[in-house]
PDB file of N, CA and C in Angstrom:
ATOM      1  N   MET A   1      35.797  43.831  -0.581  1.00  0.00           N
ATOM      2  CA  MET A   1      35.083  44.916   0.080  1.00  0.00           C
ATOM      3  C   MET A   1      34.726  46.022  -0.921  1.00  0.00           C
ATOM      4  N   ASN A   2      35.725  46.567  -1.601  1.00  0.00           N
ATOM      5  CA  ASN A   2      35.490  47.607  -2.594  1.00  0.00           C
ATOM      6  C   ASN A   2      35.390  46.968  -3.977  1.00  0.00           C
ATOM      7  N   ASP A   3      34.531  47.503  -4.829  1.00  0.00           N
ATOM      8  CA  ASP A   3      34.324  46.978  -6.172  1.00  0.00           C
ATOM      9  C   ASP A   3      35.292  47.670  -7.131  1.00  0.00           C
ATOM     10  N   LEU A   4      36.472  47.076  -7.300  1.00  0.00           N
ATOM     11  CA  LEU A   4      37.519  47.691  -8.112  1.00  0.00           C
ATOM     12  C   LEU A   4      37.055  47.936  -9.535  1.00  0.00           C
ATOM     13  N   GLU A   5      36.379  46.999 -10.132  1.00  0.00           N
ATOM     14  CA  GLU A   5      35.951  47.174 -11.533  1.00  0.00           C
ATOM     15  C   GLU A   5      34.999  48.362 -11.666  1.00  0.00           C
ATOM     16  N   ALA A   6      34.086  48.522 -10.730  1.00  0.00           N
ATOM     17  CA  ALA A   6      33.164  49.671 -10.766  1.00  0.00           C
ATOM     18  C   ALA A   6      33.928  50.972 -10.559  1.00  0.00           C
ATOM     19  N   LEU A   7      34.908  50.960  -9.649  1.00  0.00           N
ATOM     20  CA  LEU A   7      35.713  52.161  -9.408  1.00  0.00           C
ATOM     21  C   LEU A   7      36.537  52.533 -10.640  1.00  0.00           C
ATOM     22  N   LEU A   8      37.091  51.537 -11.326  1.00  0.00           N
ATOM     23  CA  LEU A   8      37.867  51.800 -12.544  1.00  0.00           C
ATOM     24  C   LEU A   8      36.976  52.345 -13.653  1.00  0.00           C
ATOM     25  N   ALA A   9      35.779  51.782 -13.790  1.00  0.00           N
ATOM     26  CA  ALA A   9      34.836  52.269 -14.797  1.00  0.00           C
ATOM     27  C   ALA A   9      34.434  53.712 -14.505  1.00  0.00           C
ATOM     28  N   GLN A  10      34.159  53.999 -13.235  1.00  0.00           N
ATOM     29  CA  GLN A  10      33.792  55.360 -12.833  1.00  0.00           C
ATOM     30  C   GLN A  10      34.940  56.321 -13.104  1.00  0.00           C
ATOM     31  N   SER A  11      36.166  55.895 -12.822  1.00  0.00           N
ATOM     32  CA  SER A  11      37.338  56.732 -13.050  1.00  0.00           C
ATOM     33  C   SER A  11      37.483  57.073 -14.531  1.00  0.00           C
ATOM     34  N   LYS A  12      37.375  56.057 -15.378  1.00  0.00           N
ATOM     35  CA  LYS A  12      37.491  56.272 -16.823  1.00  0.00           C
ATOM     36  C   LYS A  12      36.401  57.214 -17.325  1.00  0.00           C
ATOM     37  N   GLU A  13      35.172  57.009 -16.877  1.00  0.00           N
ATOM     38  CA  GLU A  13      34.055  57.873 -17.284  1.00  0.00           C
ATOM     39  C   GLU A  13      34.284  59.315 -16.841  1.00  0.00           C
ATOM     40  N   THR A  14      34.845  59.490 -15.644  1.00  0.00           N
ATOM     41  CA  THR A  14      35.094  60.835 -15.131  1.00  0.00           C
ATOM     42  C   THR A  14      36.159  61.540 -15.958  1.00  0.00           C
ATOM     43  N   VAL A  15      37.244  60.840 -16.279  1.00  0.00           N
ATOM     44  CA  VAL A  15      38.298  61.440 -17.106  1.00  0.00           C
ATOM     45  C   VAL A  15      37.729  61.815 -18.473  1.00  0.00           C
ATOM     46  N   GLU A  16      36.964  60.921 -19.081  1.00  0.00           N
ATOM     47  CA  GLU A  16      36.367  61.208 -20.392  1.00  0.00           C
ATOM     48  C   GLU A  16      35.440  62.419 -20.321  1.00  0.00           C
ATOM     49  N   ALA A  17      34.660  62.516 -19.248  1.00  0.00           N
ATOM     50  CA  ALA A  17      33.758  63.660 -19.081  1.00  0.00           C
ATOM     51  C   ALA A  17      34.542  64.968 -18.916  1.00  0.00           C
ATOM     52  N   LEU A  18      35.645  64.919 -18.163  1.00  0.00           N
ATOM     53  CA  LEU A  18      36.480  66.109 -17.993  1.00  0.00           C
ATOM     54  C   LEU A  18      37.042  66.573 -19.329  1.00  0.00           C
ATOM     55  N   LEU A  19      37.528  65.635 -20.127  1.00  0.00           N
ATOM     56  CA  LEU A  19      38.096  65.987 -21.431  1.00  0.00           C
ATOM     57  C   LEU A  19      37.015  66.502 -22.374  1.00  0.00           C
ATOM     58  N   GLU A  20      35.845  65.882 -22.358  1.00  0.00           N
ATOM     59  CA  GLU A  20      34.727  66.340 -23.185  1.00  0.00           C
ATOM     60  C   GLU A  20      34.258  67.728 -22.761  1.00  0.00           C
ATOM     61  N   ALA A  21      34.415  68.054 -21.481  1.00  0.00           N
ATOM     62  CA  ALA A  21      34.004  69.369 -20.969  1.00  0.00           C
ATOM     63  C   ALA A  21      35.018  70.457 -21.301  1.00  0.00           C
ATOM     64  N   GLY A  22      36.153  70.061 -21.907  1.00  0.00           N
ATOM     65  CA  GLY A  22      37.124  71.056 -22.328  1.00  0.00           C
ATOM     66  C   GLY A  22      38.376  71.167 -21.488  1.00  0.00           C
ATOM     67  N   ILE A  23      38.547  70.292 -20.519  1.00  0.00           N
ATOM     68  CA  ILE A  23      39.790  70.296 -19.746  1.00  0.00           C
ATOM     69  C   ILE A  23      40.914  69.852 -20.677  1.00  0.00           C
ATOM     70  N   GLU A  24      41.978  70.622 -20.694  1.00  0.00           N
ATOM     71  CA  GLU A  24      43.117  70.299 -21.553  1.00  0.00           C
ATOM     72  C   GLU A  24      43.867  69.086 -21.005  1.00  0.00           C
ATOM     73  N   GLU A  25      44.391  68.251 -21.894  1.00  0.00           N
ATOM     74  CA  GLU A  25      45.114  67.048 -21.483  1.00  0.00           C
ATOM     75  C   GLU A  25      46.391  67.361 -20.716  1.00  0.00           C
ATOM     76  N   ASP A  26      46.912  68.591 -20.878  1.00  0.00           N
ATOM     77  CA  ASP A  26      48.140  68.962 -20.171  1.00  0.00           C
ATOM     78  C   ASP A  26      47.866  69.843 -18.946  1.00  0.00           C
ATOM     79  N   PHE A  27      46.600  69.903 -18.526  1.00  0.00           N
ATOM     80  CA  PHE A  27      46.197  70.688 -17.361  1.00  0.00           C
ATOM     81  C   PHE A  27      46.263  69.808 -16.115  1.00  0.00           C
ATOM     82  N   GLU A  28      47.123  70.172 -15.173  1.00  0.00           N
ATOM     83  CA  GLU A  28      47.275  69.377 -13.957  1.00  0.00           C
ATOM     84  C   GLU A  28      46.109  69.651 -13.008  1.00  0.00           C
ATOM     85  N   LEU A  29      45.471  68.573 -12.579  1.00  0.00           N
ATOM     86  CA  LEU A  29      44.320  68.644 -11.686  1.00  0.00           C
ATOM     87  C   LEU A  29      44.705  68.228 -10.274  1.00  0.00           C
ATOM     88  N   GLU A  30      44.043  68.803  -9.296  1.00  0.00           N
ATOM     89  CA  GLU A  30      44.157  68.316  -7.924  1.00  0.00           C
ATOM     90  C   GLU A  30      43.077  67.243  -7.764  1.00  0.00           C
ATOM     91  N   ILE A  31      43.523  66.036  -7.496  1.00  0.00           N
ATOM     92  CA  ILE A  31      42.619  64.892  -7.370  1.00  0.00           C
ATOM     93  C   ILE A  31      42.455  64.552  -5.898  1.00  0.00           C
ATOM     94  N   GLU A  32      41.205  64.375  -5.474  1.00  0.00           N
ATOM     95  CA  GLU A  32      40.892  63.989  -4.106  1.00  0.00           C
ATOM     96  C   GLU A  32      40.297  62.586  -4.114  1.00  0.00           C
ATOM     97  N   HIS A  33      41.008  61.640  -3.542  1.00  0.00           N
ATOM     98  CA  HIS A  33      40.522  60.271  -3.386  1.00  0.00           C
ATOM     99  C   HIS A  33      39.860  60.191  -2.013  1.00  0.00           C
ATOM    100  N   HIS A  34      38.622  59.722  -1.960  1.00  0.00           N
ATOM    101  CA  HIS A  34      37.835  59.763  -0.733  1.00  0.00           C
ATOM    102  C   HIS A  34      37.720  58.382  -0.079  1.00  0.00           C
ATOM    103  N   LEU A  35      38.079  58.322   1.203  1.00  0.00           N
ATOM    104  CA  LEU A  35      37.972  57.089   1.978  1.00  0.00           C
ATOM    105  C   LEU A  35      37.100  57.346   3.203  1.00  0.00           C
ATOM    106  N   VAL A  36      36.329  56.326   3.594  1.00  0.00           N
ATOM    107  CA  VAL A  36      35.377  56.484   4.697  1.00  0.00           C
ATOM    108  C   VAL A  36      35.285  55.196   5.506  1.00  0.00           C
ATOM    109  N   SER A  37      34.990  55.345   6.799  1.00  0.00           N
ATOM    110  CA  SER A  37      34.808  54.197   7.679  1.00  0.00           C
ATOM    111  C   SER A  37      34.066  54.628   8.934  1.00  0.00           C
ATOM    112  N   THR A  38      33.404  53.671   9.560  1.00  0.00           N
ATOM    113  CA  THR A  38      32.814  53.926  10.878  1.00  0.00           C
ATOM    114  C   THR A  38      33.849  53.716  11.973  1.00  0.00           C
ATOM    115  N   ASP A  39      34.989  53.122  11.617  1.00  0.00           N
ATOM    116  CA  ASP A  39      36.053  52.818  12.571  1.00  0.00           C
ATOM    117  C   ASP A  39      37.233  53.764  12.329  1.00  0.00           C
ATOM    118  N   PHE A  40      37.405  54.734  13.222  1.00  0.00           N
ATOM    119  CA  PHE A  40      38.449  55.744  13.041  1.00  0.00           C
ATOM    120  C   PHE A  40      39.838  55.121  12.969  1.00  0.00           C
ATOM    121  N   SER A  41      40.108  54.098  13.779  1.00  0.00           N
ATOM    122  CA  SER A  41      41.451  53.511  13.791  1.00  0.00           C
ATOM    123  C   SER A  41      41.783  52.836  12.463  1.00  0.00           C
ATOM    124  N   LYS A  42      40.807  52.219  11.823  1.00  0.00           N
ATOM    125  CA  LYS A  42      41.037  51.618  10.501  1.00  0.00           C
ATOM    126  C   LYS A  42      41.309  52.709   9.456  1.00  0.00           C
ATOM    127  N   LEU A  43      40.558  53.784   9.546  1.00  0.00           N
ATOM    128  CA  LEU A  43      40.746  54.890   8.610  1.00  0.00           C
ATOM    129  C   LEU A  43      42.118  55.527   8.814  1.00  0.00           C
ATOM    130  N   GLU A  44      42.524  55.650  10.069  1.00  0.00           N
ATOM    131  CA  GLU A  44      43.832  56.203  10.382  1.00  0.00           C
ATOM    132  C   GLU A  44      44.959  55.331   9.804  1.00  0.00           C
ATOM    133  N   LYS A  45      44.791  54.027   9.887  1.00  0.00           N
ATOM    134  CA  LYS A  45      45.783  53.106   9.317  1.00  0.00           C
ATOM    135  C   LYS A  45      45.880  53.310   7.803  1.00  0.00           C
ATOM    136  N   ALA A  46      44.744  53.468   7.132  1.00  0.00           N
ATOM    137  CA  ALA A  46      44.747  53.707   5.685  1.00  0.00           C
ATOM    138  C   ALA A  46      45.458  55.020   5.365  1.00  0.00           C
ATOM    139  N   ALA A  47      45.238  56.037   6.185  1.00  0.00           N
ATOM    140  CA  ALA A  47      45.891  57.330   5.974  1.00  0.00           C
ATOM    141  C   ALA A  47      47.404  57.197   6.054  1.00  0.00           C
ATOM    142  N   VAL A  48      47.884  56.463   7.045  1.00  0.00           N
ATOM    143  CA  VAL A  48      49.333  56.262   7.205  1.00  0.00           C
ATOM    144  C   VAL A  48      49.906  55.569   5.974  1.00  0.00           C
ATOM    145  N   GLU A  49      49.217  54.544   5.497  1.00  0.00           N
ATOM    146  CA  GLU A  49      49.703  53.808   4.322  1.00  0.00           C
ATOM    147  C   GLU A  49      49.726  54.698   3.075  1.00  0.00           C
ATOM    148  N   LEU A  50      48.741  55.556   2.925  1.00  0.00           N
ATOM    149  CA  LEU A  50      48.696  56.430   1.754  1.00  0.00           C
ATOM    150  C   LEU A  50      49.773  57.512   1.820  1.00  0.00           C
ATOM    151  N   VAL A  51      50.077  57.991   3.008  1.00  0.00           N
ATOM    152  CA  VAL A  51      51.181  58.940   3.155  1.00  0.00           C
ATOM    153  C   VAL A  51      52.483  58.269   2.731  1.00  0.00           C
ATOM    154  N   LYS A  52      52.674  57.022   3.117  1.00  0.00           N
ATOM    155  CA  LYS A  52      53.870  56.280   2.720  1.00  0.00           C
ATOM    156  C   LYS A  52      53.981  56.171   1.202  1.00  0.00           C
ATOM    157  N   LEU A  53      52.837  56.157   0.517  1.00  0.00           N
ATOM    158  CA  LEU A  53      52.819  56.052  -0.944  1.00  0.00           C
ATOM    159  C   LEU A  53      52.938  57.414  -1.634  1.00  0.00           C
ATOM    160  N   GLY A  54      53.038  58.481  -0.839  1.00  0.00           N
ATOM    161  CA  GLY A  54      53.247  59.803  -1.411  1.00  0.00           C
ATOM    162  C   GLY A  54      52.029  60.690  -1.528  1.00  0.00           C
ATOM    163  N   TYR A  55      50.896  60.273  -1.000  1.00  0.00           N
ATOM    164  CA  TYR A  55      49.691  61.106  -1.049  1.00  0.00           C
ATOM    165  C   TYR A  55      49.690  62.082   0.123  1.00  0.00           C
ATOM    166  N   HIS A  56      49.132  63.251  -0.109  1.00  0.00           N
ATOM    167  CA  HIS A  56      48.886  64.199   0.979  1.00  0.00           C
ATOM    168  C   HIS A  56      47.518  63.826   1.556  1.00  0.00           C
ATOM    169  N   VAL A  57      47.466  63.590   2.843  1.00  0.00           N
ATOM    170  CA  VAL A  57      46.219  63.171   3.479  1.00  0.00           C
ATOM    171  C   VAL A  57      45.706  64.281   4.370  1.00  0.00           C
ATOM    172  N   GLU A  58      44.457  64.683   4.124  1.00  0.00           N
ATOM    173  CA  GLU A  58      43.824  65.703   4.960  1.00  0.00           C
ATOM    174  C   GLU A  58      43.382  65.080   6.285  1.00  0.00           C
ATOM    175  N   ASP A  59      43.166  65.926   7.273  1.00  0.00           N
ATOM    176  CA  ASP A  59      42.655  65.455   8.554  1.00  0.00           C
ATOM    177  C   ASP A  59      41.285  64.823   8.359  1.00  0.00           C
ATOM    178  N   ALA A  60      41.037  63.751   9.082  1.00  0.00           N
ATOM    179  CA  ALA A  60      39.744  63.081   9.008  1.00  0.00           C
ATOM    180  C   ALA A  60      38.664  63.970   9.626  1.00  0.00           C
ATOM    181  N   GLU A  61      37.486  63.872   9.056  1.00  0.00           N
ATOM    182  CA  GLU A  61      36.339  64.597   9.580  1.00  0.00           C
ATOM    183  C   GLU A  61      35.235  63.607   9.907  1.00  0.00           C
ATOM    184  N   GLU A  62      34.362  64.021  10.779  1.00  0.00           N
ATOM    185  CA  GLU A  62      33.274  63.179  11.258  1.00  0.00           C
ATOM    186  C   GLU A  62      31.965  63.626  10.626  1.00  0.00           C
ATOM    187  N   PHE A  63      31.090  62.667  10.335  1.00  0.00           N
ATOM    188  CA  PHE A  63      29.736  62.996   9.906  1.00  0.00           C
ATOM    189  C   PHE A  63      28.800  61.909  10.421  1.00  0.00           C
ATOM    190  N   HIS A  64      27.518  62.186  10.388  1.00  0.00           N
ATOM    191  CA  HIS A  64      26.527  61.251  10.906  1.00  0.00           C
ATOM    192  C   HIS A  64      25.579  60.828   9.797  1.00  0.00           C
ATOM    193  N   LEU A  65      25.325  59.542   9.718  1.00  0.00           N
ATOM    194  CA  LEU A  65      24.363  59.006   8.766  1.00  0.00           C
ATOM    195  C   LEU A  65      22.948  59.278   9.260  1.00  0.00           C
ATOM    196  N   ASP A  66      21.980  59.089   8.386  1.00  0.00           N
ATOM    197  CA  ASP A  66      20.585  59.319   8.756  1.00  0.00           C
ATOM    198  C   ASP A  66      20.148  58.467   9.948  1.00  0.00           C
ATOM    199  N   ASP A  67      20.758  57.298  10.090  1.00  0.00           N
ATOM    200  CA  ASP A  67      20.394  56.423  11.205  1.00  0.00           C
ATOM    201  C   ASP A  67      21.132  56.768  12.494  1.00  0.00           C
ATOM    202  N   GLY A  68      21.930  57.856  12.467  1.00  0.00           N
ATOM    203  CA  GLY A  68      22.646  58.304  13.651  1.00  0.00           C
ATOM    204  C   GLY A  68      24.043  57.732  13.798  1.00  0.00           C
ATOM    205  N   LYS A  69      24.400  56.787  12.940  1.00  0.00           N
ATOM    206  CA  LYS A  69      25.727  56.172  13.012  1.00  0.00           C
ATOM    207  C   LYS A  69      26.796  57.197  12.644  1.00  0.00           C
ATOM    208  N   THR A  70      27.906  57.186  13.401  1.00  0.00           N
ATOM    209  CA  THR A  70      29.018  58.105  13.159  1.00  0.00           C
ATOM    210  C   THR A  70      29.994  57.484  12.168  1.00  0.00           C
ATOM    211  N   CYS A  71      30.403  58.273  11.185  1.00  0.00           N
ATOM    212  CA  CYS A  71      31.400  57.855  10.206  1.00  0.00           C
ATOM    213  C   CYS A  71      32.507  58.899  10.161  1.00  0.00           C
ATOM    214  N   PHE A  72      33.635  58.494   9.618  1.00  0.00           N
ATOM    215  CA  PHE A  72      34.780  59.374   9.447  1.00  0.00           C
ATOM    216  C   PHE A  72      35.247  59.279   8.001  1.00  0.00           C
ATOM    217  N   TYR A  73      35.789  60.388   7.476  1.00  0.00           N
ATOM    218  CA  TYR A  73      36.287  60.366   6.105  1.00  0.00           C
ATOM    219  C   TYR A  73      37.489  61.288   5.982  1.00  0.00           C
ATOM    220  N   PHE A  74      38.270  61.054   4.945  1.00  0.00           N
ATOM    221  CA  PHE A  74      39.345  61.965   4.581  1.00  0.00           C
ATOM    222  C   PHE A  74      39.581  61.875   3.089  1.00  0.00           C
ATOM    223  N   ALA A  75      40.305  62.855   2.585  1.00  0.00           N
ATOM    224  CA  ALA A  75      40.714  62.869   1.182  1.00  0.00           C
ATOM    225  C   ALA A  75      42.224  62.679   1.113  1.00  0.00           C
ATOM    226  N   ALA A  76      42.648  61.799   0.225  1.00  0.00           N
ATOM    227  CA  ALA A  76      44.063  61.617  -0.090  1.00  0.00           C
ATOM    228  C   ALA A  76      44.288  62.373  -1.398  1.00  0.00           C
ATOM    229  N   ILE A  77      45.145  63.379  -1.352  1.00  0.00           N
ATOM    230  CA  ILE A  77      45.257  64.322  -2.468  1.00  0.00           C
ATOM    231  C   ILE A  77      46.552  64.125  -3.242  1.00  0.00           C
ATOM    232  N   THR A  78      46.421  64.257  -4.543  1.00  0.00           N
ATOM    233  CA  THR A  78      47.563  64.225  -5.439  1.00  0.00           C
ATOM    234  C   THR A  78      47.265  65.154  -6.616  1.00  0.00           C
ATOM    235  N   GLU A  79      48.272  65.462  -7.378  1.00  0.00           N
ATOM    236  CA  GLU A  79      48.080  66.257  -8.587  1.00  0.00           C
ATOM    237  C   GLU A  79      48.537  65.440  -9.771  1.00  0.00           C
ATOM    238  N   CYS A  80      47.727  65.457 -10.833  1.00  0.00           N
ATOM    239  CA  CYS A  80      48.095  64.735 -12.039  1.00  0.00           C
ATOM    240  C   CYS A  80      47.301  65.262 -13.224  1.00  0.00           C
ATOM    241  N   LEU A  81      47.726  64.854 -14.392  1.00  0.00           N
ATOM    242  CA  LEU A  81      47.027  65.193 -15.621  1.00  0.00           C
ATOM    243  C   LEU A  81      45.761  64.347 -15.715  1.00  0.00           C
ATOM    244  N   PRO A  82      44.789  64.791 -16.498  1.00  0.00           N
ATOM    245  CA  PRO A  82      43.577  63.986 -16.677  1.00  0.00           C
ATOM    246  C   PRO A  82      43.867  62.808 -17.618  1.00  0.00           C
ATOM    247  N   ASP A  83      44.580  61.839 -17.109  1.00  0.00           N
ATOM    248  CA  ASP A  83      45.060  60.697 -17.886  1.00  0.00           C
ATOM    249  C   ASP A  83      44.434  59.421 -17.338  1.00  0.00           C
ATOM    250  N   VAL A  84      43.733  58.687 -18.189  1.00  0.00           N
ATOM    251  CA  VAL A  84      43.036  57.482 -17.758  1.00  0.00           C
ATOM    252  C   VAL A  84      43.992  56.491 -17.103  1.00  0.00           C
ATOM    253  N   ALA A  85      45.160  56.268 -17.702  1.00  0.00           N
ATOM    254  CA  ALA A  85      46.101  55.275 -17.175  1.00  0.00           C
ATOM    255  C   ALA A  85      46.636  55.674 -15.799  1.00  0.00           C
ATOM    256  N   VAL A  86      46.964  56.947 -15.618  1.00  0.00           N
ATOM    257  CA  VAL A  86      47.487  57.415 -14.333  1.00  0.00           C
ATOM    258  C   VAL A  86      46.423  57.286 -13.253  1.00  0.00           C
ATOM    259  N   LEU A  87      45.216  57.708 -13.561  1.00  0.00           N
ATOM    260  CA  LEU A  87      44.153  57.639 -12.556  1.00  0.00           C
ATOM    261  C   LEU A  87      43.698  56.201 -12.319  1.00  0.00           C
ATOM    262  N   GLU A  88      43.836  55.344 -13.308  1.00  0.00           N
ATOM    263  CA  GLU A  88      43.552  53.928 -13.092  1.00  0.00           C
ATOM    264  C   GLU A  88      44.569  53.338 -12.114  1.00  0.00           C
ATOM    265  N   GLN A  89      45.832  53.701 -12.287  1.00  0.00           N
ATOM    266  CA  GLN A  89      46.879  53.206 -11.388  1.00  0.00           C
ATOM    267  C   GLN A  89      46.632  53.696  -9.964  1.00  0.00           C
ATOM    268  N   GLN A  90      46.278  54.977  -9.807  1.00  0.00           N
ATOM    269  CA  GLN A  90      45.987  55.511  -8.480  1.00  0.00           C
ATOM    270  C   GLN A  90      44.776  54.813  -7.862  1.00  0.00           C
ATOM    271  N   THR A  91      43.751  54.586  -8.668  1.00  0.00           N
ATOM    272  CA  THR A  91      42.540  53.923  -8.179  1.00  0.00           C
ATOM    273  C   THR A  91      42.864  52.518  -7.690  1.00  0.00           C
ATOM    274  N   ARG A  92      43.660  51.782  -8.457  1.00  0.00           N
ATOM    275  CA  ARG A  92      44.059  50.434  -8.045  1.00  0.00           C
ATOM    276  C   ARG A  92      44.855  50.474  -6.733  1.00  0.00           C
ATOM    277  N   GLU A  93      45.788  51.427  -6.655  1.00  0.00           N
ATOM    278  CA  GLU A  93      46.652  51.554  -5.480  1.00  0.00           C
ATOM    279  C   GLU A  93      45.835  51.877  -4.231  1.00  0.00           C
ATOM    280  N   ILE A  94      44.955  52.849  -4.346  1.00  0.00           N
ATOM    281  CA  ILE A  94      44.170  53.271  -3.189  1.00  0.00           C
ATOM    282  C   ILE A  94      43.138  52.223  -2.812  1.00  0.00           C
ATOM    283  N   CYS A  95      42.560  51.563  -3.801  1.00  0.00           N
ATOM    284  CA  CYS A  95      41.605  50.493  -3.515  1.00  0.00           C
ATOM    285  C   CYS A  95      42.291  49.359  -2.756  1.00  0.00           C
ATOM    286  N   ALA A  96      43.520  49.024  -3.122  1.00  0.00           N
ATOM    287  CA  ALA A  96      44.265  47.961  -2.430  1.00  0.00           C
ATOM    288  C   ALA A  96      44.506  48.339  -0.971  1.00  0.00           C
ATOM    289  N   VAL A  97      44.865  49.598  -0.724  1.00  0.00           N
ATOM    290  CA  VAL A  97      45.071  50.062   0.656  1.00  0.00           C
ATOM    291  C   VAL A  97      43.745  50.022   1.418  1.00  0.00           C
ATOM    292  N   ALA A  98      42.690  50.498   0.780  1.00  0.00           N
ATOM    293  CA  ALA A  98      41.380  50.506   1.438  1.00  0.00           C
ATOM    294  C   ALA A  98      40.943  49.090   1.804  1.00  0.00           C
ATOM    295  N   ASP A  99      41.128  48.148   0.880  1.00  0.00           N
ATOM    296  CA  ASP A  99      40.757  46.766   1.165  1.00  0.00           C
ATOM    297  C   ASP A  99      41.593  46.197   2.301  1.00  0.00           C
ATOM    298  N   ALA A 100      42.896  46.451   2.275  1.00  0.00           N
ATOM    299  CA  ALA A 100      43.790  45.929   3.323  1.00  0.00           C
ATOM    300  C   ALA A 100      43.442  46.493   4.691  1.00  0.00           C
ATOM    301  N   CYS A 101      42.947  47.730   4.726  1.00  0.00           N
ATOM    302  CA  CYS A 101      42.618  48.390   5.997  1.00  0.00           C
ATOM    303  C   CYS A 101      41.140  48.258   6.365  1.00  0.00           C
ATOM    304  N   HIS A 102      40.359  47.629   5.491  1.00  0.00           N
ATOM    305  CA  HIS A 102      38.927  47.400   5.730  1.00  0.00           C
ATOM    306  C   HIS A 102      38.148  48.710   5.858  1.00  0.00           C
ATOM    307  N   VAL A 103      38.410  49.627   4.901  1.00  0.00           N
ATOM    308  CA  VAL A 103      37.662  50.871   4.814  1.00  0.00           C
ATOM    309  C   VAL A 103      37.081  50.981   3.410  1.00  0.00           C
ATOM    310  N   GLU A 104      36.169  51.897   3.235  1.00  0.00           N
ATOM    311  CA  GLU A 104      35.531  52.083   1.935  1.00  0.00           C
ATOM    312  C   GLU A 104      36.250  53.166   1.127  1.00  0.00           C
ATOM    313  N   TYR A 105      36.557  52.837  -0.118  1.00  0.00           N
ATOM    314  CA  TYR A 105      37.098  53.819  -1.067  1.00  0.00           C
ATOM    315  C   TYR A 105      35.934  54.276  -1.919  1.00  0.00           C
ATOM    316  N   ASP A 106      35.616  55.557  -1.837  1.00  0.00           N
ATOM    317  CA  ASP A 106      34.440  56.108  -2.499  1.00  0.00           C
ATOM    318  C   ASP A 106      34.783  56.761  -3.829  1.00  0.00           C
ATOM    319  N   GLY A 107      35.962  56.479  -4.379  1.00  0.00           N
ATOM    320  CA  GLY A 107      36.346  57.049  -5.667  1.00  0.00           C
ATOM    321  C   GLY A 107      37.024  58.395  -5.506  1.00  0.00           C
ATOM    322  N   TRP A 108      37.207  59.072  -6.636  1.00  0.00           N
ATOM    323  CA  TRP A 108      37.923  60.341  -6.629  1.00  0.00           C
ATOM    324  C   TRP A 108      37.112  61.423  -7.322  1.00  0.00           C
ATOM    325  N   GLY A 109      37.525  62.654  -7.044  1.00  0.00           N
ATOM    326  CA  GLY A 109      36.904  63.802  -7.680  1.00  0.00           C
ATOM    327  C   GLY A 109      37.909  64.934  -7.766  1.00  0.00           C
ATOM    328  N   THR A 110      37.491  65.991  -8.413  1.00  0.00           N
ATOM    329  CA  THR A 110      38.318  67.181  -8.525  1.00  0.00           C
ATOM    330  C   THR A 110      37.414  68.390  -8.516  1.00  0.00           C
ATOM    331  N   PHE A 111      37.948  69.522  -8.148  1.00  0.00           N
ATOM    332  CA  PHE A 111      37.186  70.768  -8.084  1.00  0.00           C
ATOM    333  C   PHE A 111      37.633  71.662  -9.223  1.00  0.00           C
ATOM    334  N   LEU A 112      36.687  72.071 -10.060  1.00  0.00           N
ATOM    335  CA  LEU A 112      37.032  72.864 -11.234  1.00  0.00           C
ATOM    336  C   LEU A 112      36.618  74.332 -11.124  1.00  0.00           C
ATOM    337  N   GLY A 113      35.953  74.713 -10.039  1.00  0.00           N
ATOM    338  CA  GLY A 113      35.469  76.080  -9.888  1.00  0.00           C
ATOM    339  C   GLY A 113      36.522  77.014  -9.357  1.00  0.00           C
ATOM    340  N   ASP A 114      36.099  78.237  -9.060  1.00  0.00           N
ATOM    341  CA  ASP A 114      36.991  79.220  -8.463  1.00  0.00           C
ATOM    342  C   ASP A 114      37.237  78.866  -7.013  1.00  0.00           C
ATOM    343  N   GLU A 115      38.418  79.217  -6.517  1.00  0.00           N
ATOM    344  CA  GLU A 115      38.779  78.963  -5.117  1.00  0.00           C
ATOM    345  C   GLU A 115      37.752  79.594  -4.167  1.00  0.00           C
ATOM    346  N   GLU A 116      37.207  80.755  -4.541  1.00  0.00           N
ATOM    347  CA  GLU A 116      36.255  81.466  -3.679  1.00  0.00           C
ATOM    348  C   GLU A 116      34.946  80.709  -3.531  1.00  0.00           C
ATOM    349  N   GLU A 117      34.633  79.794  -4.458  1.00  0.00           N
ATOM    350  CA  GLU A 117      33.377  79.056  -4.414  1.00  0.00           C
ATOM    351  C   GLU A 117      33.395  77.956  -3.369  1.00  0.00           C
ATOM    352  N   GLU A 118      34.577  77.547  -2.908  1.00  0.00           N
ATOM    353  CA  GLU A 118      34.686  76.486  -1.913  1.00  0.00           C
ATOM    354  C   GLU A 118      34.040  76.951  -0.668  1.00  0.00           C
TER     355      GLU A 118
END
């Protein structure tokens, strides 16, 4: 379901871009792993599994696609250094949960701006 190799490549590129942008290797980042599904119960199952693995899971939110279809998403949050190996391990772990629960793992991101900009 999810393309693990593409997700791993994207993760590595993101870490490299963060380091090239001047993020210090010892700077702990808040990482948001994004999962989405049209089936709320499947997404809820993925959330439960990620909590068991130690991730903080935000409440799911609803959005609508251009075709009117309803989707749900949430972020599974953790804090870590901008380390390729650590984020690769997290990506593999979350992708496995997403595949087992039949939801889409849309990769991870982090927010580098001021809190007031959110």
